[in-house]
Protein backbone atom coordinates (compact mmCIF):
# COMPACT_ATOMS: atom_id res chain seq x y z
CA MET A 1 -98.97 37.57 -22.00
CA PRO A 2 -98.38 34.63 -24.15
CA SER A 3 -97.47 31.30 -22.36
CA VAL A 4 -94.16 30.38 -21.95
CA SER A 5 -93.09 27.19 -23.80
CA TYR A 6 -89.90 25.21 -23.25
CA ASP A 7 -90.45 22.58 -26.02
CA ASP A 8 -87.36 23.74 -27.90
CA GLY A 9 -85.23 23.70 -24.68
CA ARG A 10 -84.26 26.26 -22.00
CA VAL A 11 -81.51 28.95 -21.23
CA TRP A 12 -80.71 29.83 -17.57
CA PHE A 13 -80.28 33.32 -16.22
CA VAL A 14 -79.79 34.54 -12.82
CA ALA A 15 -82.31 36.93 -11.38
CA ARG A 16 -81.74 39.30 -8.62
CA THR A 17 -84.41 39.39 -5.94
CA ASN A 18 -85.62 42.22 -3.47
CA PRO A 19 -84.02 41.55 -0.04
CA ARG A 20 -85.74 38.53 1.64
CA CYS A 21 -88.14 37.89 -1.24
CA GLU A 22 -86.47 34.76 -3.00
CA GLY A 23 -89.83 32.80 -2.36
CA ARG A 24 -92.12 35.59 -3.49
CA ALA A 25 -90.03 35.98 -6.61
CA MET A 26 -90.40 32.30 -7.33
CA ALA A 27 -93.90 32.11 -6.83
CA THR A 28 -94.72 35.14 -8.85
CA LEU A 29 -92.45 33.91 -11.76
CA ALA A 30 -94.19 30.32 -11.59
CA ALA A 31 -97.65 32.15 -11.82
CA LYS A 32 -96.43 33.54 -15.10
CA GLY A 33 -95.29 30.19 -16.34
CA PHE A 34 -91.46 30.64 -15.87
CA ASP A 35 -89.25 27.83 -14.34
CA THR A 36 -87.03 28.69 -11.51
CA PHE A 37 -84.42 27.15 -9.21
CA LEU A 38 -83.44 28.48 -5.78
CA PRO A 39 -80.60 26.26 -4.53
CA LYS A 40 -81.08 25.52 -0.87
CA GLY A 41 -78.61 24.02 1.81
CA ARG A 42 -79.76 22.64 4.68
CA LYS A 43 -78.31 22.97 8.20
CA THR A 44 -78.86 21.23 11.55
CA LEU A 45 -79.44 23.48 14.56
CA ILE A 46 -80.10 22.77 18.18
CA HIS A 47 -82.97 25.06 19.76
CA HIS A 48 -81.45 27.07 22.45
CA ARG A 49 -84.33 26.21 24.89
CA SER A 50 -85.81 22.81 24.28
CA LYS A 51 -82.50 21.48 23.01
CA ARG A 52 -84.47 19.89 20.07
CA VAL A 53 -82.60 18.95 16.74
CA ILE A 54 -84.09 21.29 13.73
CA GLU A 55 -83.15 20.73 10.23
CA ARG A 56 -83.70 23.97 8.34
CA GLU A 57 -83.05 25.21 4.81
CA PHE A 58 -81.28 28.27 3.65
CA PRO A 59 -80.68 29.77 0.31
CA LEU A 60 -77.08 28.97 -1.08
CA MET A 61 -77.18 32.23 -2.83
CA VAL A 62 -78.97 34.94 -1.00
CA GLY A 63 -80.89 37.47 -3.10
CA TYR A 64 -80.57 35.54 -6.31
CA LEU A 65 -82.15 32.53 -8.07
CA PHE A 66 -82.05 30.99 -11.49
CA LEU A 67 -84.69 31.59 -14.25
CA ALA A 68 -85.06 29.59 -17.25
CA MET A 69 -86.00 31.20 -20.71
CA PRO A 70 -86.85 29.35 -23.87
CA VAL A 71 -84.29 28.97 -26.19
CA ASP A 72 -86.54 30.78 -28.78
CA ALA A 73 -86.13 34.47 -28.57
CA THR A 74 -89.59 34.97 -29.65
CA GLN A 75 -90.61 33.22 -26.62
CA GLN A 76 -88.51 35.10 -24.19
CA HIS A 77 -90.66 37.34 -22.19
CA TRP A 78 -88.15 39.76 -20.29
CA GLY A 79 -90.52 42.56 -19.72
CA VAL A 80 -92.85 40.13 -17.76
CA ALA A 81 -90.14 38.41 -15.80
CA ARG A 82 -88.73 41.87 -14.70
CA THR A 83 -91.86 43.13 -13.31
CA CYS A 84 -92.73 40.05 -11.45
CA ASP A 85 -93.20 40.80 -7.68
CA GLY A 86 -90.17 40.17 -5.82
CA VAL A 87 -87.78 40.45 -8.88
CA HIS A 88 -85.28 43.39 -8.72
CA GLY A 89 -83.85 42.63 -12.27
CA ILE A 90 -81.92 40.17 -14.23
CA LEU A 91 -78.17 40.01 -14.31
CA GLY A 92 -76.22 40.91 -17.55
CA MET A 93 -73.96 43.19 -19.23
CA GLY A 94 -75.10 46.66 -20.56
CA ASP A 95 -78.53 45.77 -22.36
CA ARG A 96 -77.64 41.91 -22.91
CA TYR A 97 -78.65 39.38 -20.29
CA VAL A 98 -75.90 36.73 -19.50
CA PRO A 99 -76.82 33.13 -19.59
CA VAL A 100 -75.57 30.58 -17.00
CA PRO A 101 -74.09 27.18 -18.46
CA GLU A 102 -76.90 24.82 -18.12
CA ARG A 103 -74.51 22.14 -16.79
CA GLU A 104 -73.62 24.38 -13.66
CA VAL A 105 -77.41 24.61 -12.78
CA MET A 106 -78.05 20.90 -13.19
CA VAL A 107 -74.90 20.18 -10.83
CA LEU A 108 -76.51 22.40 -8.21
CA MET A 109 -80.04 20.72 -8.82
CA ASP A 110 -78.36 17.33 -8.64
CA ALA A 111 -76.22 18.12 -5.33
CA GLU A 112 -79.51 19.73 -3.79
CA ALA A 113 -81.56 16.62 -4.66
CA ASP A 114 -78.65 14.22 -3.20
CA GLY A 115 -78.68 16.45 0.13
CA ARG A 116 -75.02 17.46 -0.57
CA LEU A 117 -75.71 21.03 -0.21
CA ARG A 118 -75.25 21.31 3.59
CA PHE A 119 -74.15 23.78 6.00
CA GLU A 120 -72.20 22.20 8.58
CA ALA A 121 -70.32 23.36 11.71
CA ALA A 122 -66.66 22.39 11.14
CA LYS A 123 -64.09 21.17 13.86
CA ARG A 124 -61.98 24.04 15.13
CA ASN A 125 -58.45 24.27 13.91
CA LYS A 126 -55.79 24.84 16.30
CA GLY A 127 -54.19 27.52 13.89
CA GLN A 128 -51.69 25.32 11.87
CA HIS A 129 -52.22 24.07 8.43
CA SER A 130 -50.11 22.54 5.70
CA PHE A 131 -51.67 24.47 2.85
CA VAL A 132 -49.34 26.41 0.52
CA ASP A 133 -49.79 28.65 -2.46
CA GLY A 134 -50.43 26.85 -5.74
CA MET A 135 -51.49 23.53 -4.33
CA GLU A 136 -54.79 21.82 -4.95
CA ALA A 137 -57.28 21.42 -2.15
CA ARG A 138 -60.84 20.09 -2.09
CA ILE A 139 -63.66 21.63 -0.31
CA ALA A 140 -64.94 19.13 2.51
CA LEU A 141 -67.71 20.94 3.91
CA GLY A 142 -70.25 23.66 3.27
CA PRO A 143 -72.19 24.53 -0.11
CA PHE A 144 -69.23 23.93 -2.33
CA THR A 145 -68.64 20.49 -1.00
CA GLY A 146 -66.68 18.42 -3.65
CA PHE A 147 -65.16 21.32 -5.55
CA VAL A 148 -61.39 21.25 -6.12
CA GLY A 149 -59.41 24.49 -6.34
CA GLN A 150 -56.02 26.11 -6.42
CA VAL A 151 -54.84 27.88 -3.33
CA VAL A 152 -54.29 31.52 -4.16
CA ASP A 153 -53.42 32.62 -0.57
CA ALA A 154 -52.51 30.46 2.40
CA SER A 155 -51.10 33.15 4.71
CA CYS A 156 -54.03 33.34 6.77
CA ARG A 157 -54.33 30.64 9.61
CA LYS A 158 -58.22 30.50 9.75
CA ALA A 159 -59.26 30.88 6.09
CA ILE A 160 -57.77 29.90 2.69
CA ARG A 161 -58.49 31.82 -0.64
CA LEU A 162 -59.25 29.29 -3.35
CA LEU A 163 -59.59 29.73 -7.10
CA ILE A 164 -62.54 27.23 -8.09
CA SER A 165 -64.29 26.72 -11.45
CA ILE A 166 -68.03 27.57 -11.47
CA PHE A 167 -70.44 29.09 -13.90
CA GLY A 168 -68.08 28.74 -16.66
CA GLY A 169 -65.38 30.69 -15.08
CA LEU A 170 -63.02 31.03 -12.23
CA SER A 171 -64.13 32.45 -8.77
CA GLU A 172 -62.17 33.05 -5.90
CA VAL A 173 -63.92 31.83 -2.68
CA VAL A 174 -62.40 32.12 0.98
CA VAL A 175 -62.94 28.80 2.67
CA PRO A 176 -62.15 28.00 6.32
CA VAL A 177 -59.10 25.77 6.72
CA ASP A 178 -61.34 23.32 8.82
CA GLU A 179 -63.36 22.68 5.57
CA LEU A 180 -60.62 21.91 3.30
CA GLU A 181 -58.61 18.70 2.60
CA ALA A 182 -55.43 18.47 0.77
CA VAL A 183 -55.59 16.71 -2.69
């Protein structure tokens, strides 16, 4: 295989991995010269017997990772990337792979580097909240900390459906009420 060169820039795509094979896919893609990024959130756990505090990392998007391809189409080696151990395929529509906006990947990289991707246990809500459909809410805890979205469905006591802007489009997420704050 010819070497992968990112001199002219890179375009990010999403690679789907085999179950529990994110690390294996990253290692084999890196061995072939591809740049990858697997966003990981951190979680503080307490060991059930020793009561020691343990800090662990978990993939933000289980079964998926970001794969960089050169901007130059002649340098893009799709066949090599698809056949790497641990890679199930590349996300796309029909016979065309769909790129992810680079700024979205950079936001995740910065959030991970700053330690903002955390999975935290929230304080339990008593069942009342003041969120109504159409209002703005900010996610205060979890992997999407800092994202502001519009409330789509506030009828449930425990979780709220929000519409947030991510990956160049609007996505609906369900967030526990305890992890939200009004804007």
